[in-house]
N, C-alpha and C. Protein backbone atom coordinates (compact mmCIF):
# COMPACT_ATOMS: atom_id res chain seq x y z
N MET A 1 0.83 -1.18 0.02
CA MET A 1 -0.04 -0.03 0.06
C MET A 1 0.85 1.30 0.02
N ASN A 2 0.61 2.18 -0.91
CA ASN A 2 1.43 3.31 -0.98
C ASN A 2 0.74 4.53 -0.16
N TRP A 3 1.52 5.61 -0.08
CA TRP A 3 0.97 6.81 0.65
C TRP A 3 -0.26 7.34 -0.04
N ASP A 4 -0.43 7.35 -1.26
CA ASP A 4 -1.61 7.87 -1.97
C ASP A 4 -2.80 7.07 -1.45
N ALA A 5 -2.68 5.76 -1.43
CA ALA A 5 -3.84 4.99 -0.97
C ALA A 5 -4.14 5.18 0.50
N ILE A 6 -3.12 5.27 1.35
CA ILE A 6 -3.37 5.59 2.81
C ILE A 6 -3.98 7.00 2.96
N GLY A 7 -3.56 7.92 2.06
CA GLY A 7 -4.11 9.27 2.15
C GLY A 7 -5.61 9.28 1.77
N ALA A 8 -5.98 8.46 0.72
CA ALA A 8 -7.35 8.30 0.24
C ALA A 8 -8.26 7.77 1.24
N ILE A 9 -7.75 6.71 1.91
CA ILE A 9 -8.49 6.06 3.00
C ILE A 9 -8.64 7.07 4.19
N GLY A 10 -7.68 7.77 4.48
CA GLY A 10 -7.81 8.78 5.56
C GLY A 10 -8.91 9.87 5.19
N GLU A 11 -8.92 10.25 3.89
CA GLU A 11 -9.97 11.31 3.50
C GLU A 11 -11.34 10.65 3.60
N ILE A 12 -11.43 9.46 3.17
CA ILE A 12 -12.75 8.82 3.30
C ILE A 12 -13.21 8.72 4.76
N LEU A 13 -12.31 8.25 5.59
CA LEU A 13 -12.69 8.15 7.02
C LEU A 13 -13.02 9.47 7.60
N GLY A 14 -12.22 10.55 7.14
CA GLY A 14 -12.51 11.87 7.71
C GLY A 14 -13.90 12.39 7.24
N ALA A 15 -14.23 12.07 5.96
CA ALA A 15 -15.49 12.58 5.46
C ALA A 15 -16.62 11.83 6.14
N LEU A 16 -16.50 10.55 6.42
CA LEU A 16 -17.38 9.75 7.17
C LEU A 16 -17.61 10.21 8.63
N ALA A 17 -16.56 10.65 9.21
CA ALA A 17 -16.60 11.21 10.54
C ALA A 17 -17.39 12.58 10.60
N VAL A 18 -17.16 13.37 9.59
CA VAL A 18 -17.91 14.61 9.39
C VAL A 18 -19.36 14.37 9.24
N VAL A 19 -19.71 13.46 8.40
CA VAL A 19 -21.16 13.06 8.12
C VAL A 19 -21.82 12.59 9.48
N LEU A 20 -21.10 11.67 10.11
CA LEU A 20 -21.66 11.14 11.46
C LEU A 20 -21.80 12.28 12.44
N THR A 21 -20.89 13.18 12.50
CA THR A 21 -20.93 14.22 13.48
C THR A 21 -22.18 15.22 13.13
N LEU A 22 -22.29 15.46 11.87
CA LEU A 22 -23.41 16.35 11.48
C LEU A 22 -24.75 15.66 11.79
N GLY A 23 -24.89 14.35 11.52
CA GLY A 23 -26.06 13.57 11.97
C GLY A 23 -26.33 13.69 13.46
N TYR A 24 -25.27 13.48 14.21
CA TYR A 24 -25.45 13.55 15.64
C TYR A 24 -25.93 14.95 16.13
N LEU A 25 -25.29 15.97 15.49
CA LEU A 25 -25.65 17.33 15.80
C LEU A 25 -27.12 17.62 15.47
N ALA A 26 -27.56 17.17 14.37
CA ALA A 26 -28.97 17.33 13.98
C ALA A 26 -29.90 16.80 14.93
N ILE A 27 -29.64 15.52 15.49
CA ILE A 27 -30.39 14.87 16.44
C ILE A 27 -30.44 15.71 17.72
N GLN A 28 -29.30 16.20 18.19
CA GLN A 28 -29.16 16.99 19.37
C GLN A 28 -29.97 18.29 19.26
N VAL A 29 -29.91 18.93 18.06
CA VAL A 29 -30.75 20.14 17.86
C VAL A 29 -32.21 19.89 18.02
N ARG A 30 -32.58 18.74 17.36
CA ARG A 30 -34.01 18.43 17.40
C ARG A 30 -34.46 18.18 18.84
N GLN A 31 -33.66 17.41 19.60
CA GLN A 31 -34.01 17.13 20.93
C GLN A 31 -33.98 18.44 21.81
N ASN A 32 -33.04 19.30 21.57
CA ASN A 32 -32.99 20.53 22.34
C ASN A 32 -34.19 21.40 22.01
N THR A 33 -34.62 21.44 20.69
CA THR A 33 -35.79 22.23 20.35
C THR A 33 -36.98 21.78 21.12
N HIS A 34 -37.21 20.39 21.11
CA HIS A 34 -38.33 19.81 21.85
C HIS A 34 -38.25 20.17 23.31
N GLY A 35 -37.11 20.09 23.91
CA GLY A 35 -36.90 20.41 25.30
C GLY A 35 -37.21 21.87 25.61
N MET A 36 -36.88 22.72 24.68
CA MET A 36 -37.23 24.18 24.83
C MET A 36 -38.74 24.39 24.87
N LYS A 37 -39.40 23.67 23.94
CA LYS A 37 -40.89 23.83 23.85
C LYS A 37 -41.60 23.28 25.09
N VAL A 38 -41.08 22.18 25.62
CA VAL A 38 -41.60 21.66 26.87
C VAL A 38 -41.41 22.61 27.97
N ALA A 39 -40.25 23.16 28.05
CA ALA A 39 -39.84 24.16 29.15
C ALA A 39 -40.79 25.35 29.06
N ALA A 40 -40.99 25.85 27.86
CA ALA A 40 -41.80 27.03 27.60
C ALA A 40 -43.27 26.74 28.13
N LYS A 41 -43.78 25.55 27.76
CA LYS A 41 -45.17 25.32 28.21
C LYS A 41 -45.18 25.08 29.75
N LEU A 42 -44.16 24.49 30.29
CA LEU A 42 -44.14 24.27 31.74
C LEU A 42 -44.05 25.68 32.50
N GLU A 43 -43.27 26.60 31.89
CA GLU A 43 -43.15 27.89 32.53
C GLU A 43 -44.47 28.65 32.43
N ILE A 44 -45.16 28.59 31.36
CA ILE A 44 -46.50 29.27 31.28
C ILE A 44 -47.46 28.67 32.23
N ASP A 45 -47.51 27.33 32.41
CA ASP A 45 -48.29 26.70 33.40
C ASP A 45 -47.93 27.12 34.76
N LYS A 46 -46.69 27.26 35.00
CA LYS A 46 -46.20 27.74 36.37
C LYS A 46 -46.60 29.15 36.68
N GLN A 47 -46.43 30.04 35.70
CA GLN A 47 -46.88 31.37 35.92
C GLN A 47 -48.34 31.54 36.12
N PHE A 48 -49.15 30.80 35.37
CA PHE A 48 -50.61 31.01 35.58
C PHE A 48 -51.03 30.33 36.89
N THR A 49 -50.45 29.22 37.19
CA THR A 49 -50.78 28.54 38.44
C THR A 49 -50.45 29.39 39.64
N SER A 50 -49.31 30.12 39.50
CA SER A 50 -48.90 30.97 40.63
C SER A 50 -49.88 32.15 40.81
N TYR A 51 -50.43 32.65 39.60
CA TYR A 51 -51.40 33.77 39.68
C TYR A 51 -52.71 33.19 40.27
N THR A 52 -53.14 32.08 39.79
CA THR A 52 -54.40 31.54 40.37
C THR A 52 -54.34 31.23 41.81
N ASP A 53 -53.14 30.70 42.19
CA ASP A 53 -52.90 30.33 43.60
C ASP A 53 -53.02 31.59 44.52
N LEU A 54 -52.52 32.69 43.99
CA LEU A 54 -52.47 33.98 44.63
C LEU A 54 -53.91 34.37 44.93
N LEU A 55 -54.77 34.27 43.94
CA LEU A 55 -56.22 34.60 44.11
C LEU A 55 -57.00 33.55 44.91
N LEU A 56 -56.71 32.32 44.83
CA LEU A 56 -57.41 31.32 45.60
C LEU A 56 -57.00 31.38 47.07
N ASN A 57 -55.82 31.83 47.38
CA ASN A 57 -55.36 31.86 48.74
C ASN A 57 -55.76 33.17 49.51
N ASP A 58 -56.31 34.09 48.67
CA ASP A 58 -56.76 35.38 49.20
C ASP A 58 -58.14 35.78 48.65
N PRO A 59 -59.22 35.28 49.37
CA PRO A 59 -60.57 35.56 48.84
C PRO A 59 -60.81 37.04 48.53
N ASP A 60 -60.22 37.95 49.37
CA ASP A 60 -60.46 39.35 49.15
C ASP A 60 -59.77 39.82 47.70
N LEU A 61 -58.71 39.27 47.43
CA LEU A 61 -57.99 39.60 46.17
C LEU A 61 -58.84 39.03 45.02
N PHE A 62 -59.34 37.83 45.16
CA PHE A 62 -60.25 37.17 44.20
C PHE A 62 -61.47 38.09 43.94
N GLU A 63 -62.01 38.50 44.98
CA GLU A 63 -63.22 39.33 44.87
C GLU A 63 -62.88 40.70 44.29
N LEU A 64 -61.73 41.22 44.58
CA LEU A 64 -61.30 42.48 43.94
C LEU A 64 -61.14 42.27 42.49
N GLN A 65 -60.43 41.25 42.08
CA GLN A 65 -60.25 40.98 40.61
C GLN A 65 -61.66 40.91 39.98
N THR A 66 -62.64 40.26 40.55
CA THR A 66 -63.97 40.07 39.98
C THR A 66 -64.62 41.48 39.84
N ARG A 67 -64.51 42.25 40.89
CA ARG A 67 -65.16 43.57 40.86
C ARG A 67 -64.47 44.50 39.76
N GLY A 68 -63.11 44.30 39.74
CA GLY A 68 -62.39 45.18 38.70
C GLY A 68 -62.73 44.76 37.27
N LEU A 69 -62.71 43.46 37.03
CA LEU A 69 -63.00 42.99 35.69
C LEU A 69 -64.44 43.33 35.27
N THR A 70 -65.30 43.33 36.12
CA THR A 70 -66.77 43.65 35.79
C THR A 70 -66.97 45.20 35.75
N GLY A 71 -65.93 45.90 35.99
CA GLY A 71 -66.06 47.44 35.85
C GLY A 71 -66.70 48.01 36.97
N GLN A 72 -66.75 47.44 38.20
CA GLN A 72 -67.41 48.01 39.30
C GLN A 72 -66.52 49.15 39.89
N GLU A 73 -67.09 50.13 40.55
CA GLU A 73 -66.38 51.19 41.16
C GLU A 73 -65.36 50.63 42.27
N LEU A 74 -64.12 51.17 42.17
CA LEU A 74 -63.21 50.70 43.21
C LEU A 74 -62.52 51.94 43.89
N SER A 75 -62.29 51.66 45.17
CA SER A 75 -61.62 52.73 45.94
C SER A 75 -60.27 52.96 45.34
N THR A 76 -59.63 54.04 45.73
CA THR A 76 -58.23 54.35 45.16
C THR A 76 -57.28 53.21 45.42
N ILE A 77 -57.32 52.68 46.69
CA ILE A 77 -56.36 51.60 47.05
C ILE A 77 -56.72 50.32 46.29
N ASP A 78 -58.06 50.01 46.23
CA ASP A 78 -58.43 48.88 45.40
C ASP A 78 -58.09 48.95 43.91
N ALA A 79 -58.21 50.17 43.37
CA ALA A 79 -57.90 50.44 42.00
C ALA A 79 -56.39 50.20 41.76
N ALA A 80 -55.58 50.58 42.68
CA ALA A 80 -54.14 50.38 42.59
C ALA A 80 -53.81 48.84 42.67
N LYS A 81 -54.43 48.17 43.58
CA LYS A 81 -54.21 46.72 43.69
C LYS A 81 -54.70 46.06 42.44
N PHE A 82 -55.90 46.39 41.92
CA PHE A 82 -56.38 45.83 40.65
C PHE A 82 -55.41 46.02 39.54
N SER A 83 -54.86 47.25 39.45
CA SER A 83 -53.90 47.53 38.38
C SER A 83 -52.68 46.67 38.51
N LEU A 84 -52.24 46.44 39.73
CA LEU A 84 -51.06 45.58 39.89
C LEU A 84 -51.42 44.12 39.49
N LEU A 85 -52.63 43.68 39.86
CA LEU A 85 -53.04 42.32 39.44
C LEU A 85 -53.07 42.15 37.91
N MET A 86 -53.63 43.14 37.24
CA MET A 86 -53.75 43.13 35.85
C MET A 86 -52.33 43.22 35.10
N GLN A 87 -51.53 43.99 35.77
CA GLN A 87 -50.12 44.12 35.27
C GLN A 87 -49.44 42.71 35.34
N ARG A 88 -49.52 42.12 36.48
CA ARG A 88 -48.94 40.79 36.57
C ARG A 88 -49.56 39.72 35.62
N LEU A 89 -50.91 39.75 35.51
CA LEU A 89 -51.53 38.79 34.62
C LEU A 89 -51.18 39.08 33.07
N THR A 90 -51.16 40.36 32.80
CA THR A 90 -50.82 40.71 31.43
C THR A 90 -49.50 40.42 31.08
N TRP A 91 -48.52 40.56 31.95
CA TRP A 91 -47.06 40.18 31.75
C TRP A 91 -47.03 38.68 31.44
N ASN A 92 -47.80 37.86 32.13
CA ASN A 92 -47.97 36.47 31.79
C ASN A 92 -48.45 36.28 30.34
N PHE A 93 -49.45 37.07 30.00
CA PHE A 93 -50.01 36.96 28.68
C PHE A 93 -48.96 37.37 27.61
N SER A 94 -48.22 38.42 27.91
CA SER A 94 -47.20 38.90 27.01
C SER A 94 -46.13 37.82 26.84
N SER A 95 -45.71 37.12 27.95
CA SER A 95 -44.75 36.04 27.91
C SER A 95 -45.32 34.95 26.96
N MET A 96 -46.52 34.56 27.17
CA MET A 96 -47.11 33.53 26.31
C MET A 96 -46.96 33.89 24.74
N HIS A 97 -47.41 35.18 24.51
CA HIS A 97 -47.36 35.65 23.20
C HIS A 97 -45.85 35.64 22.51
N TYR A 98 -44.97 36.09 23.34
CA TYR A 98 -43.55 36.08 22.98
C TYR A 98 -43.07 34.74 22.64
N GLN A 99 -43.34 33.80 23.58
CA GLN A 99 -42.94 32.43 23.34
C GLN A 99 -43.55 31.79 22.07
N TYR A 100 -44.77 32.19 21.77
CA TYR A 100 -45.42 31.71 20.53
C TYR A 100 -44.72 32.32 19.33
N MET A 101 -44.41 33.61 19.39
CA MET A 101 -43.83 34.29 18.25
C MET A 101 -42.41 33.82 18.02
N THR A 102 -41.69 33.37 19.05
CA THR A 102 -40.36 32.93 18.82
C THR A 102 -40.36 31.37 18.54
N GLN A 103 -41.53 30.76 18.35
CA GLN A 103 -41.79 29.41 18.10
C GLN A 103 -41.28 28.45 19.19
N GLU A 104 -41.27 28.96 20.40
CA GLU A 104 -41.02 28.14 21.66
C GLU A 104 -42.21 27.47 22.18
N LEU A 105 -43.38 27.97 21.73
CA LEU A 105 -44.72 27.43 22.18
C LEU A 105 -45.37 26.90 20.91
N SER A 106 -45.91 25.68 21.00
CA SER A 106 -46.48 25.07 19.89
C SER A 106 -47.89 25.74 19.62
N GLU A 107 -48.36 25.48 18.37
CA GLU A 107 -49.62 26.03 17.93
C GLU A 107 -50.75 25.54 18.90
N GLU A 108 -50.72 24.27 19.27
CA GLU A 108 -51.78 23.74 20.24
C GLU A 108 -51.71 24.45 21.56
N ASP A 109 -50.45 24.63 22.06
CA ASP A 109 -50.40 25.32 23.31
C ASP A 109 -50.75 26.76 23.24
N TRP A 110 -50.43 27.41 22.13
CA TRP A 110 -50.77 28.85 21.92
C TRP A 110 -52.38 28.95 21.84
N HIS A 111 -52.91 27.97 21.25
CA HIS A 111 -54.47 27.95 21.22
C HIS A 111 -55.08 28.03 22.63
N GLU A 112 -54.47 27.25 23.52
CA GLU A 112 -54.97 27.22 24.92
C GLU A 112 -54.75 28.67 25.55
N SER A 113 -53.54 29.17 25.26
CA SER A 113 -53.23 30.52 25.87
C SER A 113 -54.02 31.56 25.24
N ARG A 114 -54.27 31.53 23.99
CA ARG A 114 -55.09 32.54 23.32
C ARG A 114 -56.54 32.56 23.85
N ARG A 115 -57.10 31.33 24.10
CA ARG A 115 -58.46 31.36 24.62
C ARG A 115 -58.46 31.90 26.05
N LEU A 116 -57.47 31.73 26.86
CA LEU A 116 -57.42 32.29 28.16
C LEU A 116 -57.24 33.77 28.07
N ILE A 117 -56.44 34.16 27.24
CA ILE A 117 -56.26 35.65 27.04
C ILE A 117 -57.52 36.34 26.61
N LYS A 118 -58.23 35.79 25.55
CA LYS A 118 -59.49 36.31 25.17
C LYS A 118 -60.51 36.33 26.30
N TRP A 119 -60.58 35.37 27.07
CA TRP A 119 -61.62 35.18 28.11
C TRP A 119 -61.40 36.34 29.11
N ILE A 120 -60.17 36.62 29.54
CA ILE A 120 -59.88 37.70 30.50
C ILE A 120 -60.01 39.07 29.84
N THR A 121 -59.53 39.22 28.67
CA THR A 121 -59.39 40.55 28.08
C THR A 121 -60.71 41.00 27.52
N ALA A 122 -61.70 40.13 27.44
CA ALA A 122 -63.05 40.50 26.98
C ALA A 122 -63.79 41.41 27.96
N SER A 123 -63.34 41.44 29.16
CA SER A 123 -64.14 42.13 30.21
C SER A 123 -63.95 43.66 30.10
N GLY A 124 -64.95 44.39 30.35
CA GLY A 124 -64.91 45.83 30.34
C GLY A 124 -63.83 46.41 31.21
N GLY A 125 -63.75 45.80 32.47
CA GLY A 125 -62.65 46.27 33.41
C GLY A 125 -61.30 46.14 32.89
N PHE A 126 -61.05 45.08 32.28
CA PHE A 126 -59.67 44.84 31.70
C PHE A 126 -59.48 45.89 30.58
N ARG A 127 -60.40 46.04 29.74
CA ARG A 127 -60.20 46.91 28.63
C ARG A 127 -59.97 48.38 29.12
N SER A 128 -60.73 48.77 30.19
CA SER A 128 -60.51 50.09 30.70
C SER A 128 -59.04 50.17 31.27
N TRP A 129 -58.62 49.23 31.93
CA TRP A 129 -57.27 49.16 32.46
C TRP A 129 -56.20 49.25 31.38
N TRP A 130 -56.44 48.37 30.34
CA TRP A 130 -55.53 48.33 29.16
C TRP A 130 -55.39 49.67 28.53
N GLU A 131 -56.45 50.46 28.37
CA GLU A 131 -56.29 51.79 27.74
C GLU A 131 -55.19 52.66 28.31
N THR A 132 -55.05 52.63 29.59
CA THR A 132 -54.09 53.53 30.18
C THR A 132 -52.74 52.79 30.50
N ASN A 133 -52.68 51.43 30.39
CA ASN A 133 -51.46 50.70 30.72
C ASN A 133 -50.89 49.93 29.56
N GLN A 134 -51.37 49.90 28.39
CA GLN A 134 -50.81 49.19 27.31
C GLN A 134 -49.39 49.65 26.97
N ILE A 135 -49.02 50.93 27.27
CA ILE A 135 -47.69 51.41 26.90
C ILE A 135 -46.59 50.66 27.58
N ASN A 136 -46.98 49.89 28.65
CA ASN A 136 -45.90 49.16 29.49
C ASN A 136 -45.58 47.88 28.70
N PHE A 137 -46.08 47.51 27.67
CA PHE A 137 -45.89 46.28 26.98
C PHE A 137 -45.20 46.49 25.58
N SER A 138 -44.64 45.44 25.08
CA SER A 138 -43.99 45.51 23.73
C SER A 138 -45.01 45.93 22.64
N TYR A 139 -44.41 46.52 21.54
CA TYR A 139 -45.28 46.84 20.45
C TYR A 139 -46.03 45.71 19.83
N ASP A 140 -45.29 44.60 19.67
CA ASP A 140 -45.89 43.36 19.10
C ASP A 140 -47.11 42.89 19.96
N PHE A 141 -46.86 42.85 21.23
CA PHE A 141 -47.93 42.35 22.13
C PHE A 141 -49.14 43.32 22.12
N ARG A 142 -48.81 44.59 22.20
CA ARG A 142 -49.91 45.61 22.11
C ARG A 142 -50.75 45.50 20.79
N ASN A 143 -50.04 45.35 19.72
CA ASN A 143 -50.65 45.11 18.46
C ASN A 143 -51.51 43.88 18.41
N TYR A 144 -50.98 42.76 18.90
CA TYR A 144 -51.76 41.54 18.98
C TYR A 144 -53.03 41.72 19.76
N LEU A 145 -52.89 42.32 20.96
CA LEU A 145 -54.03 42.44 21.85
C LEU A 145 -55.11 43.38 21.32
N ASN A 146 -54.72 44.56 20.75
CA ASN A 146 -55.47 45.55 20.15
C ASN A 146 -56.28 44.89 18.94
N GLN A 147 -55.57 44.14 18.14
CA GLN A 147 -56.22 43.42 17.03
C GLN A 147 -57.24 42.36 17.46
N SER A 148 -56.86 41.73 18.58
CA SER A 148 -57.81 40.71 19.04
C SER A 148 -59.10 41.28 19.60
N PHE A 149 -59.08 42.49 20.14
CA PHE A 149 -60.31 43.28 20.57
C PHE A 149 -61.24 43.46 19.36
N LYS A 150 -60.72 43.52 18.17
CA LYS A 150 -61.53 43.85 17.03
C LYS A 150 -62.18 42.59 16.46
N SER A 151 -61.74 41.46 16.84
CA SER A 151 -62.37 40.21 16.27
C SER A 151 -63.36 39.54 17.24
């Protein structure tokens, strides 16, 4: 066997190693993408569960949210508390929207999130709050939510 033959075998083995490495990397990327989507879904669930636990553990806060969403008159203190509740909840919604837009959230999971967002944001109390507070959110999310109000 001469040096040319040994060199050719080396090149073939090197090319095979590159192909195998690329295949391995493709599998790893696919698994990582799936893992990121699972993590995004779990984070959304965690955020919303944290919010609902907050309301369930404090009946006065739950009652305040109900009064605020239905547009009932609130005292200055209660209006400030309601605003903070809506801020927290809407940040969760904004996070859901962002994860969907960056394709970290599946279409099916976004469908669940979108239904929840529509349910809360349909209330007159939320819409009144949104009019003065939407500036606190990204342009893309504001645009999404404002467009959803029209449909």
